């Protein structure tokens, strides 16, 4: 499966972890995206009156954040062992 990569010269907001699965912020934009995501989760959890509403909002926010991470990461996501590419 191929996916588009970031334009040449643009920085990836997130980089893959050295071991295992996952990414970590690499630039201030990545850290800002994390802060916005966590803040939105806290506000949504506090303001939504019903449990179903909370689940729906948290799911939507998480999917949106994962989409941003996928677009703003230069390399393919997956299992890594000691920095494997």
Protein backbone atom coordinates (compact mmCIF):
# COMPACT_ATOMS: atom_id res chain seq x y z
CA UNK A 1 0.00 0.00 0.00
CA UNK A 2 1.48 3.31 -1.00
CA UNK A 3 0.64 6.66 0.44
CA UNK A 4 1.59 10.19 -0.39
CA UNK A 5 4.65 11.58 1.32
CA UNK A 6 5.20 15.09 2.53
CA UNK A 7 6.49 17.58 -0.06
CA UNK A 8 10.25 17.82 -0.26
CA UNK A 9 11.64 20.28 2.26
CA UNK A 10 8.68 20.11 4.66
CA UNK A 11 9.28 18.86 8.16
CA UNK A 12 7.44 15.91 9.62
CA UNK A 13 5.54 16.87 12.75
CA UNK A 14 5.86 13.33 14.10
CA UNK A 15 8.59 10.69 13.89
CA UNK A 16 8.31 6.95 14.57
CA UNK A 17 9.43 5.58 17.90
CA UNK A 18 12.70 3.67 17.85
CA UNK A 19 11.17 0.49 19.28
CA UNK A 20 7.63 -0.81 18.82
CA UNK A 21 4.65 0.90 17.22
CA UNK A 22 3.82 4.58 17.48
CA UNK A 23 5.04 8.08 16.86
CA UNK A 24 6.24 10.98 18.95
CA UNK A 25 6.14 14.72 18.26
CA UNK A 26 9.28 16.06 16.56
CA UNK A 27 8.45 19.75 16.08
CA UNK A 28 6.53 22.45 17.89
CA UNK A 29 3.61 21.82 15.53
CA UNK A 30 3.48 18.20 16.66
CA UNK A 31 3.51 19.21 20.31
CA UNK A 32 0.84 21.84 19.62
CA UNK A 33 -1.33 19.22 17.89
CA UNK A 34 -0.97 16.95 20.95
CA UNK A 35 -1.93 19.78 23.33
CA UNK A 36 -4.98 20.69 21.23
CA UNK A 37 -6.04 17.03 21.06
CA UNK A 38 -5.73 16.43 24.80
CA UNK A 39 -7.44 19.75 25.61
CA UNK A 40 -10.32 18.91 23.27
CA UNK A 41 -10.69 15.49 24.92
CA UNK A 42 -10.83 17.02 28.40
CA UNK A 43 -13.36 19.67 27.35
CA UNK A 44 -15.52 17.13 25.51
CA UNK A 45 -15.51 14.82 28.51
CA UNK A 46 -16.49 17.65 30.81
CA UNK A 47 -19.20 19.25 28.66
CA UNK A 48 -21.04 16.29 27.10
CA UNK A 49 -24.07 15.35 29.22
CA UNK A 50 -24.55 11.78 28.00
CA UNK A 51 -22.20 8.84 27.88
CA UNK A 52 -23.07 8.13 24.24
CA UNK A 53 -22.26 11.71 23.30
CA UNK A 54 -18.90 11.49 25.05
CA UNK A 55 -18.03 8.28 23.22
CA UNK A 56 -19.02 9.77 19.87
CA UNK A 57 -17.02 12.98 20.37
CA UNK A 58 -13.95 11.19 21.72
CA UNK A 59 -14.05 8.74 18.80
CA UNK A 60 -14.35 11.57 16.26
CA UNK A 61 -11.53 13.57 17.88
CA UNK A 62 -9.27 10.52 18.00
CA UNK A 63 -9.88 9.63 14.35
CA UNK A 64 -9.22 13.23 13.30
CA UNK A 65 -5.98 13.31 15.31
CA UNK A 66 -4.84 9.99 13.84
CA UNK A 67 -5.50 11.37 10.36
CA UNK A 68 -3.30 14.40 11.12
CA UNK A 69 -0.57 12.13 12.48
CA UNK A 70 -0.75 9.94 9.38
CA UNK A 71 -0.43 12.91 7.04
CA UNK A 72 2.31 14.64 9.02
CA UNK A 73 4.59 11.60 9.45
CA UNK A 74 7.15 11.03 6.67
CA UNK A 75 7.68 7.28 7.00
CA UNK A 76 5.35 4.30 6.94
CA UNK A 77 3.91 3.45 10.34
CA UNK A 78 4.43 -0.04 11.74
CA UNK A 79 6.55 -2.15 14.06
CA UNK A 80 10.14 -0.99 14.50
CA UNK A 81 13.09 -2.62 16.12
CA UNK A 82 16.07 -0.38 16.94
CA UNK A 83 15.28 2.22 14.28
CA UNK A 84 14.53 -0.16 11.38
CA UNK A 85 13.10 1.58 8.36
